[in-house]
Amino acid sequence: MEPQNAIYDARQLGTPRMLILGFQHLFAMFGATVLVPLLTGLDVSVTLLFAGIGTLLFHFISKWNVPAFLGSSFAFLGGYASVKEMGVSQGLSETLALDYACLGVACAGLIYFVMAALVRSFGVKKILKYFPPVVTGPIVIAIGLVLSGSAITNCQTNWLLAIISIVTIIVSSVWGRGIIKIIPVLLGVMVSYVVAAVMGVVDFSPLGEAAWVGFPISKDRTILAVFEDGNTSLMLSTILAVMPIAFATIIEHIGDMFAISSTVGKNFLAEPGLHRTLTGDGMATAIASVFGAPANTTYGENTGVLNLTKVFDPKVIRIAAGLAIVLAFCPKFACLIRLMPDATIGGVSLILYGMISSVGVHNLVEEKVDLKNSRNVFVAALILVLAIGVKYGANDDIAIGPIHLSGLAIAAIVGIFINAIMPNKINS
């Protein structure tokens, strides 16, 4: 699984370049990571803080070997919405209702530990037989395609700024030399943002009102507020509504691990082991939720950056995590990032989401999946159509009682089930 083109590490790059690359990963994850709290009502600074802490915790548990960044998970959006509606209908404030939702997500993180224990007990091969390339490849492709809609929506706010960021990334990556070649995403963000500022598109007036230093965590936005409120019935309802979503996010985690392994050229599911990465992801999600941050998940955007730059050293990701933690205590920086034009984020996302899908295609080709075989075609087709169809044809998710499942989650579950029950020998 050796990736093509040059591969760089810390010894070749040096500290200054590593720091710049860390900022690039920070910007790559920032748009999607802060979008979840903006959509749900959770706090942006707390989200940023525990994205950094969760990433470092994940690296520690996975023996410092996996170049993954953990940002906000979109899979739980339906859970947050359902619990918030449930809580408000019982007379709670939206903030307290979200605290209840965070309790459910924290419990969902425990499911990761159960799955990790199963992998540890029965071996990764027995578990992964349910996740062959014909399943994981289309899932990874679908991840990029499902996200592509949000990139286009952002681009449509100002196509000029989006095109500037896209062109800057392409030119820097293809014709750039030295440091320019390995920071195309950061350059795309900076050039587009500067042009937007010159054009007068950005209103910087809120920046002057923001403080330089501030502590992001507030007691009333943690699950401590839930236990003080003491609504046991709502607690149980929340846990039952949210915990099952973890099965879908675990499948996404496995797909992401395949994508990162394929990108880097190392089998991280074998070493440090899927049980370790699952434990790290689950621990990060549980701790983040306790303090009022969204569930964490391994981020495809940063996998796209890895694929683009060929810099696979995990230290770069840890630098980005450290920067996220430091900047979480700076409300002025959070305000500056919030003011970034949607079109700038859209242009960058358009490239990165495409890179995610291309990793899935590469996985299918590299593993020589036979798509002339009808069985494989059925599995791949169902995954792709369900993921995209539910996303754009059923308002993002399908409700099964109080549980909301995204198209990607449904596609993954169906793909795994169909692959498991269909006989291997079916003629084309």
Protein backbone atom coordinates (compact mmCIF):
# COMPACT_ATOMS: atom_id res chain seq x y z
CA MET A 1 0.00 0.00 0.00
CA GLU A 2 2.83 2.43 -0.74
CA PRO A 3 1.52 5.86 -1.72
CA GLN A 4 3.01 7.59 -4.72
CA ASN A 5 4.99 10.86 -4.84
CA ALA A 6 7.29 12.27 -2.16
CA ILE A 7 6.68 11.56 1.52
CA TYR A 8 7.95 14.00 4.11
CA ASP A 9 8.61 13.69 7.83
CA ALA A 10 9.58 16.01 10.66
CA ARG A 11 13.31 15.51 10.21
CA GLN A 12 13.11 16.75 6.62
CA LEU A 13 10.79 19.67 7.26
CA GLY A 14 12.06 21.30 10.43
CA THR A 15 10.10 23.14 13.12
CA PRO A 16 8.98 26.26 11.19
CA ARG A 17 7.48 24.26 8.34
CA MET A 18 5.88 21.81 10.73
CA LEU A 19 4.21 24.73 12.50
CA ILE A 20 2.84 26.06 9.21
CA LEU A 21 1.57 22.60 8.30
CA GLY A 22 -0.11 22.41 11.70
CA PHE A 23 -1.97 25.62 10.93
CA GLN A 24 -3.00 24.13 7.60
CA HIS A 25 -4.59 21.12 9.31
CA LEU A 26 -6.23 23.48 11.79
CA PHE A 27 -7.87 25.43 8.98
CA ALA A 28 -8.82 22.25 7.13
CA MET A 29 -10.87 20.95 10.06
CA PHE A 30 -12.11 24.28 11.36
CA GLY A 31 -15.02 24.91 8.99
CA ALA A 32 -16.73 21.58 9.57
CA THR A 33 -15.82 21.39 13.25
CA VAL A 34 -17.41 24.73 14.16
CA LEU A 35 -20.37 24.08 11.87
CA VAL A 36 -21.76 21.45 14.26
CA PRO A 37 -22.01 23.82 17.25
CA LEU A 38 -23.40 26.52 14.99
CA LEU A 39 -26.12 24.10 13.84
CA THR A 40 -26.89 22.67 17.28
CA GLY A 41 -26.36 25.63 19.60
CA LEU A 42 -23.31 24.19 21.38
CA ASP A 43 -20.36 26.44 22.19
CA VAL A 44 -17.75 27.04 19.45
CA SER A 45 -14.78 27.62 21.77
CA VAL A 46 -15.51 24.50 23.84
CA THR A 47 -15.82 22.56 20.60
CA LEU A 48 -12.40 23.78 19.49
CA LEU A 49 -10.87 23.00 22.88
CA PHE A 50 -12.03 19.39 22.96
CA ALA A 51 -11.23 18.79 19.32
CA GLY A 52 -7.63 19.47 20.33
CA ILE A 53 -7.78 17.52 23.59
CA GLY A 54 -9.60 14.63 21.92
CA THR A 55 -7.02 14.48 19.14
CA LEU A 56 -4.11 14.34 21.60
CA LEU A 57 -5.91 11.68 23.64
CA PHE A 58 -6.53 9.65 20.50
CA HIS A 59 -2.83 9.89 19.56
CA PHE A 60 -1.78 8.77 23.05
CA ILE A 61 -4.08 5.74 23.00
CA SER A 62 -3.09 4.83 19.43
CA LYS A 63 0.61 4.90 20.41
CA TRP A 64 1.31 8.23 18.63
CA ASN A 65 1.30 6.53 15.21
CA VAL A 66 -1.96 7.49 13.45
CA PRO A 67 -2.06 10.90 11.70
CA ALA A 68 -5.73 11.56 12.43
CA PHE A 69 -7.45 14.71 13.63
CA LEU A 70 -10.67 14.41 15.64
CA GLY A 71 -13.30 17.05 14.97
CA SER A 72 -17.05 17.43 15.43
CA SER A 73 -19.18 14.50 14.25
CA PHE A 74 -22.17 15.26 12.03
CA ALA A 75 -23.72 11.85 12.72
CA PHE A 76 -25.27 13.00 16.01
CA LEU A 77 -27.00 16.10 14.59
CA GLY A 78 -30.33 14.29 14.49
CA GLY A 79 -29.85 13.14 18.08
CA TYR A 80 -29.14 16.67 19.29
CA ALA A 81 -32.20 17.99 17.45
CA SER A 82 -34.50 15.25 18.80
CA VAL A 83 -33.40 15.65 22.42
CA LYS A 84 -33.55 19.44 22.23
CA GLU A 85 -37.11 19.24 20.93
CA MET A 86 -37.97 16.68 23.60
CA GLY A 87 -36.49 18.81 26.38
CA VAL A 88 -38.05 22.10 25.25
CA SER A 89 -41.47 20.41 25.05
CA GLN A 90 -41.04 19.55 28.76
CA GLY A 91 -40.30 23.16 29.67
CA LEU A 92 -36.50 23.10 29.61
CA SER A 93 -34.36 25.83 28.08
CA GLU A 94 -32.56 24.95 24.84
CA THR A 95 -29.24 25.11 26.68
CA LEU A 96 -30.32 22.59 29.33
CA ALA A 97 -31.94 20.37 26.70
CA LEU A 98 -28.59 20.29 24.86
CA ASP A 99 -26.92 19.30 28.13
CA TYR A 100 -29.21 16.26 28.21
CA ALA A 101 -28.26 15.49 24.62
CA CYS A 102 -24.59 15.63 25.61
CA LEU A 103 -25.30 13.05 28.33
CA GLY A 104 -26.69 10.72 25.67
CA VAL A 105 -23.66 11.26 23.44
CA ALA A 106 -21.29 10.62 26.35
CA CYS A 107 -23.03 7.27 26.91
CA ALA A 108 -22.81 6.57 23.19
CA GLY A 109 -19.04 6.87 23.51
CA LEU A 110 -19.14 3.80 25.74
CA ILE A 111 -20.29 1.69 22.77
CA TYR A 112 -16.87 2.26 21.24
CA PHE A 113 -15.28 0.54 24.22
CA VAL A 114 -17.54 -2.50 23.76
CA MET A 115 -16.62 -2.76 20.08
CA ALA A 116 -12.94 -2.29 20.90
CA ALA A 117 -13.18 -5.14 23.41
CA LEU A 118 -14.75 -7.40 20.76
CA VAL A 119 -11.97 -6.57 18.31
CA ARG A 120 -9.40 -7.23 21.01
CA SER A 121 -11.00 -10.55 21.98
CA PHE A 122 -11.80 -12.03 18.57
CA GLY A 123 -9.12 -10.37 16.47
CA VAL A 124 -9.31 -7.64 13.88
CA LYS A 125 -9.51 -10.13 10.98
CA LYS A 126 -12.72 -11.75 12.21
CA ILE A 127 -14.32 -8.35 12.69
CA LEU A 128 -13.01 -6.92 9.43
CA LYS A 129 -14.43 -9.75 7.35
CA TYR A 130 -17.64 -7.76 7.64
CA PHE A 131 -15.84 -4.69 6.28
CA PRO A 132 -14.11 -5.79 3.04
CA PRO A 133 -12.93 -3.24 0.42
CA VAL A 134 -16.17 -3.66 -1.55
CA VAL A 135 -17.92 -2.15 1.50
CA THR A 136 -15.37 0.32 2.84
CA GLY A 137 -14.35 1.67 -0.59
CA PRO A 138 -17.87 2.88 -1.52
CA ILE A 139 -18.39 4.14 2.04
CA VAL A 140 -15.29 6.33 1.76
CA ILE A 141 -16.42 7.49 -1.70
CA ALA A 142 -19.84 8.29 -0.25
CA ILE A 143 -18.32 10.30 2.61
CA GLY A 144 -16.81 12.75 0.13
CA LEU A 145 -19.89 12.86 -2.10
CA VAL A 146 -22.30 13.41 0.78
CA LEU A 147 -20.19 16.28 2.07
CA SER A 148 -19.90 17.84 -1.40
CA GLY A 149 -23.34 19.44 -1.19
CA SER A 150 -22.30 21.65 1.71
CA ALA A 151 -19.19 22.70 -0.22
CA ILE A 152 -21.30 23.78 -3.23
CA THR A 153 -23.75 25.62 -0.97
CA ASN A 154 -20.88 27.59 0.55
CA CYS A 155 -19.32 28.27 -2.86
CA GLN A 156 -22.58 29.70 -4.14
CA THR A 157 -22.40 32.56 -1.66
CA ASN A 158 -19.52 34.02 -3.70
CA TRP A 159 -18.12 31.95 -6.55
CA LEU A 160 -15.25 34.39 -7.13
CA LEU A 161 -13.82 33.82 -3.66
CA ALA A 162 -14.41 30.07 -3.95
CA ILE A 163 -12.63 29.89 -7.31
CA ILE A 164 -9.72 31.92 -5.94
CA SER A 165 -9.22 29.42 -3.12
CA ILE A 166 -9.56 26.46 -5.51
CA VAL A 167 -7.11 27.89 -8.07
CA THR A 168 -4.63 28.83 -5.34
CA ILE A 169 -4.67 25.28 -3.97
CA ILE A 170 -4.23 23.69 -7.40
CA VAL A 171 -1.46 26.05 -8.53
CA SER A 172 0.41 25.71 -5.22
CA SER A 173 0.14 21.93 -5.25
CA VAL A 174 1.00 21.33 -8.91
CA TRP A 175 3.53 24.06 -9.69
CA GLY A 176 4.68 25.12 -6.23
CA ARG A 177 8.17 24.47 -4.92
CA GLY A 178 9.46 23.89 -1.39
CA ILE A 179 7.14 24.98 1.40
CA ILE A 180 4.59 26.32 -1.12
CA LYS A 181 3.96 22.84 -2.44
CA ILE A 182 3.07 21.36 0.93
CA ILE A 183 0.78 24.11 2.29
CA PRO A 184 -1.69 24.57 -0.59
CA VAL A 185 -4.78 24.45 1.63
CA LEU A 186 -3.50 27.10 4.02
CA LEU A 187 -2.54 29.32 1.09
CA GLY A 188 -5.96 28.81 -0.46
CA VAL A 189 -7.62 29.99 2.75
CA MET A 190 -5.31 32.96 3.23
CA VAL A 191 -5.42 34.27 -0.35
CA SER A 192 -9.20 34.01 -0.60
CA TYR A 193 -9.70 35.59 2.85
CA VAL A 194 -7.39 38.51 2.01
CA VAL A 195 -9.17 39.11 -1.29
CA ALA A 196 -12.50 39.05 0.55
CA ALA A 197 -11.21 41.63 3.03
CA VAL A 198 -9.96 43.89 0.20
CA MET A 199 -13.32 43.57 -1.56
CA GLY A 200 -15.10 44.65 1.62
CA VAL A 201 -17.03 41.39 1.85
CA VAL A 202 -16.05 40.79 5.49
CA ASP A 203 -17.48 42.91 8.31
CA PHE A 204 -14.75 43.03 10.97
CA SER A 205 -16.69 45.19 13.44
CA PRO A 206 -17.49 42.25 15.81
CA LEU A 207 -13.76 41.58 16.11
CA GLY A 208 -13.18 44.70 18.18
CA GLU A 209 -15.77 43.63 20.74
CA ALA A 210 -14.25 40.17 21.29
CA ALA A 211 -11.86 39.64 24.22
CA TRP A 212 -8.31 38.40 23.74
CA VAL A 213 -8.48 35.80 26.52
CA GLY A 214 -11.43 33.89 27.90
CA PHE A 215 -12.16 30.57 29.61
CA PRO A 216 -14.43 28.56 27.31
CA ILE A 217 -16.05 26.09 29.76
CA SER A 218 -19.21 27.05 31.65
CA LYS A 219 -20.84 24.80 34.25
CA ASP A 220 -24.35 25.38 32.92
CA ARG A 221 -23.24 23.98 29.55
CA THR A 222 -21.90 20.68 30.88
CA ILE A 223 -23.70 17.52 31.93
CA LEU A 224 -23.33 18.62 35.55
CA ALA A 225 -26.38 20.76 34.86
CA VAL A 226 -28.29 17.59 33.93
CA PHE A 227 -27.68 15.95 37.31
CA GLU A 228 -28.61 19.15 39.09
CA ASP A 229 -31.89 19.22 37.14
CA GLY A 230 -32.45 15.54 37.93
CA ASN A 231 -35.08 14.61 35.34
CA THR A 232 -34.46 10.84 35.40
CA SER A 233 -37.11 10.06 32.82
CA LEU A 234 -35.59 12.48 30.31
CA MET A 235 -32.14 11.10 31.05
CA LEU A 236 -33.21 7.57 30.14
CA SER A 237 -35.13 8.73 27.06
CA THR A 238 -32.10 10.67 25.89
CA ILE A 239 -29.70 7.77 26.38
CA LEU A 240 -32.01 5.36 24.52
CA ALA A 241 -32.46 7.85 21.69
CA VAL A 242 -28.79 8.75 21.20
CA MET A 243 -26.71 5.68 22.09
CA PRO A 244 -27.66 3.56 19.02
CA ILE A 245 -26.21 6.23 16.73
CA ALA A 246 -22.79 5.06 17.91
CA PHE A 247 -23.10 1.89 15.80
CA ALA A 248 -23.26 4.05 12.69
CA THR A 249 -20.34 6.25 13.74
CA ILE A 250 -18.23 3.18 14.51
CA ILE A 251 -18.75 2.05 10.93
CA GLU A 252 -17.70 5.50 9.75
CA HIS A 253 -14.63 5.26 12.00
CA ILE A 254 -13.58 1.99 10.36
CA GLY A 255 -14.05 3.56 6.93
CA ASP A 256 -11.90 6.51 7.99
CA MET A 257 -9.19 4.18 9.28
CA PHE A 258 -9.15 2.43 5.91
CA ALA A 259 -8.92 5.81 4.18
CA ILE A 260 -6.03 6.99 6.36
CA SER A 261 -4.25 3.64 6.00
CA SER A 262 -4.64 3.76 2.23
CA THR A 263 -3.45 7.36 2.09
CA VAL A 264 -0.39 6.83 4.29
CA GLY A 265 0.48 3.33 3.08
CA LYS A 266 0.37 1.70 6.53
CA ASN A 267 -2.17 -0.72 7.96
CA PHE A 268 -3.26 1.12 11.09
CA LEU A 269 -6.03 -1.39 11.70
CA ALA A 270 -3.32 -3.95 12.45
CA GLU A 271 -0.84 -1.64 14.19
CA PRO A 272 -1.50 0.09 16.53
CA GLY A 273 -4.78 -1.79 16.06
CA LEU A 274 -8.44 -1.06 15.46
CA HIS A 275 -9.20 -1.67 19.14
CA ARG A 276 -6.89 1.21 20.07
CA THR A 277 -8.26 3.67 17.52
CA LEU A 278 -11.83 2.81 18.52
CA THR A 279 -10.96 3.32 22.19
CA GLY A 280 -9.34 6.66 21.41
CA ASP A 281 -12.31 7.85 19.36
CA GLY A 282 -14.79 6.72 22.01
CA MET A 283 -12.81 8.27 24.86
CA ALA A 284 -12.54 11.58 23.00
CA THR A 285 -16.28 11.59 22.30
CA ALA A 286 -17.24 10.76 25.90
CA ILE A 287 -14.97 13.39 27.48
CA ALA A 288 -15.94 16.11 24.98
CA SER A 289 -19.62 15.50 25.63
CA VAL A 290 -19.19 15.70 29.41
CA PHE A 291 -17.99 19.28 29.01
CA GLY A 292 -20.60 20.31 26.45
CA ALA A 293 -18.70 19.79 23.20
CA PRO A 294 -19.98 17.75 20.24
CA ALA A 295 -19.08 14.12 19.69
CA ASN A 296 -15.67 13.68 18.09
CA THR A 297 -14.77 11.67 15.02
CA THR A 298 -11.73 11.12 12.81
CA TYR A 299 -11.81 13.82 10.15
CA GLY A 300 -11.85 13.19 6.41
CA GLU A 301 -10.84 16.78 5.70
CA ASN A 302 -7.47 16.20 7.31
CA THR A 303 -7.09 12.91 5.45
CA GLY A 304 -7.56 14.98 2.29
CA VAL A 305 -4.75 17.28 3.41
CA LEU A 306 -2.50 14.26 4.04
CA ASN A 307 -3.22 12.98 0.54
CA LEU A 308 -2.57 16.39 -0.96
CA THR A 309 0.67 17.25 0.84
CA LYS A 310 2.18 13.76 1.34
CA VAL A 311 3.24 14.85 4.82
CA PHE A 312 2.16 11.93 6.99
CA ASP A 313 4.05 12.67 10.21
CA PRO A 314 1.54 12.52 13.10
CA LYS A 315 3.45 15.34 14.81
CA VAL A 316 1.88 17.75 12.33
CA ILE A 317 -1.58 16.72 13.54
CA ARG A 318 -0.53 17.09 17.16
CA ILE A 319 0.71 20.61 16.42
CA ALA A 320 -2.71 21.39 14.97
CA ALA A 321 -4.34 19.96 18.11
CA GLY A 322 -2.13 22.09 20.35
CA LEU A 323 -2.98 25.18 18.32
CA ALA A 324 -6.68 24.38 18.62
CA ILE A 325 -6.38 24.17 22.42
CA VAL A 326 -4.48 27.45 22.70
CA LEU A 327 -6.81 29.30 20.35
CA ALA A 328 -9.88 27.99 22.18
CA PHE A 329 -8.93 30.42 24.98
CA CYS A 330 -8.90 33.36 22.54
CA PRO A 331 -12.43 34.58 21.76
CA LYS A 332 -10.98 37.12 19.33
CA PHE A 333 -9.48 34.35 17.20
CA ALA A 334 -12.72 32.38 17.26
CA CYS A 335 -14.49 35.54 16.12
CA LEU A 336 -11.96 36.05 13.31
CA ILE A 337 -12.52 32.52 12.06
CA ARG A 338 -16.30 32.86 12.30
CA LEU A 339 -16.02 35.91 10.05
CA MET A 340 -14.28 33.89 7.31
CA PRO A 341 -16.47 33.95 4.19
CA ASP A 342 -18.47 30.78 3.56
CA ALA A 343 -17.23 30.81 -0.03
CA THR A 344 -13.61 30.55 1.12
CA ILE A 345 -14.44 27.49 3.20
CA GLY A 346 -16.52 26.13 0.33
CA GLY A 347 -13.68 26.33 -2.18
CA VAL A 348 -11.27 24.54 0.14
CA SER A 349 -13.89 21.94 1.05
CA LEU A 350 -14.63 21.25 -2.60
CA ILE A 351 -11.04 20.09 -3.08
CA LEU A 352 -10.77 18.17 0.18
CA TYR A 353 -14.08 16.33 -0.18
CA GLY A 354 -13.07 15.27 -3.67
CA MET A 355 -9.80 13.98 -2.27
CA ILE A 356 -11.73 11.87 0.24
CA SER A 357 -13.77 10.23 -2.52
CA SER A 358 -10.66 9.65 -4.60
CA VAL A 359 -9.13 7.72 -1.68
CA GLY A 360 -12.16 5.41 -1.78
CA VAL A 361 -11.72 4.88 -5.52
CA HIS A 362 -8.04 4.18 -4.94
CA ASN A 363 -8.97 1.60 -2.30
CA LEU A 364 -11.21 -0.26 -4.75
CA VAL A 365 -8.53 -0.23 -7.44
CA GLU A 366 -5.67 -1.14 -5.11
CA GLU A 367 -7.57 -4.08 -3.62
CA LYS A 368 -8.61 -5.19 -7.13
CA VAL A 369 -12.32 -5.36 -6.30
CA ASP A 370 -14.06 -7.13 -9.18
CA LEU A 371 -16.94 -4.88 -10.21
CA LYS A 372 -17.84 -7.25 -13.05
CA ASN A 373 -19.17 -9.53 -10.33
CA SER A 374 -22.87 -8.80 -9.80
CA ARG A 375 -22.59 -9.39 -6.07
CA ASN A 376 -19.98 -6.66 -5.67
CA VAL A 377 -21.95 -4.31 -7.90
CA PHE A 378 -25.08 -4.76 -5.74
CA VAL A 379 -23.16 -4.00 -2.54
CA ALA A 380 -21.38 -0.93 -3.95
CA ALA A 381 -24.49 0.38 -5.69
CA LEU A 382 -26.68 0.18 -2.58
CA ILE A 383 -24.10 1.97 -0.47
CA LEU A 384 -23.65 4.83 -2.92
CA VAL A 385 -27.32 5.32 -3.80
CA LEU A 386 -28.58 5.13 -0.22
CA ALA A 387 -25.92 7.49 1.12
CA ILE A 388 -26.53 10.12 -1.54
CA GLY A 389 -30.26 9.51 -1.95
CA VAL A 390 -31.13 9.89 1.72
CA LYS A 391 -28.87 12.93 2.04
CA TYR A 392 -30.46 14.84 -0.83
CA GLY A 393 -33.86 13.20 -1.10
CA ALA A 394 -35.00 12.72 2.50
CA ASN A 395 -33.86 15.90 4.26
CA ASP A 396 -30.52 14.50 5.44
CA ASP A 397 -31.79 11.59 7.54
CA ILE A 398 -34.53 9.06 8.18
CA ALA A 399 -36.27 8.85 11.54
CA ILE A 400 -36.88 5.44 13.09
CA GLY A 401 -38.81 6.37 16.20
CA PRO A 402 -36.66 8.81 18.19
CA ILE A 403 -33.50 7.73 16.35
CA HIS A 404 -32.37 9.68 13.29
CA LEU A 405 -30.01 7.89 10.93
CA SER A 406 -28.05 9.73 8.27
CA GLY A 407 -27.90 8.42 4.73
CA LEU A 408 -24.29 7.43 5.25
CA ALA A 409 -25.17 5.45 8.37
CA ILE A 410 -28.04 3.67 6.62
CA ALA A 411 -25.89 2.95 3.58
CA ALA A 412 -23.10 1.52 5.73
CA ILE A 413 -25.47 -0.70 7.72
CA VAL A 414 -27.22 -1.99 4.58
CA GLY A 415 -23.93 -2.53 2.76
CA ILE A 416 -22.46 -4.54 5.61
CA PHE A 417 -25.63 -6.61 5.97
CA ILE A 418 -25.99 -7.36 2.24
CA ASN A 419 -22.31 -8.24 1.96
CA ALA A 420 -22.60 -10.60 4.95
CA ILE A 421 -25.66 -12.54 3.72
CA MET A 422 -25.00 -12.73 -0.02
CA PRO A 423 -23.02 -15.73 -1.25
CA ASN A 424 -19.54 -14.98 -2.54
CA LYS A 425 -19.96 -16.85 -5.80
CA ILE A 426 -22.37 -15.02 -8.05
CA ASN A 427 -21.64 -14.83 -11.72
CA SER A 428 -21.68 -11.53 -13.50
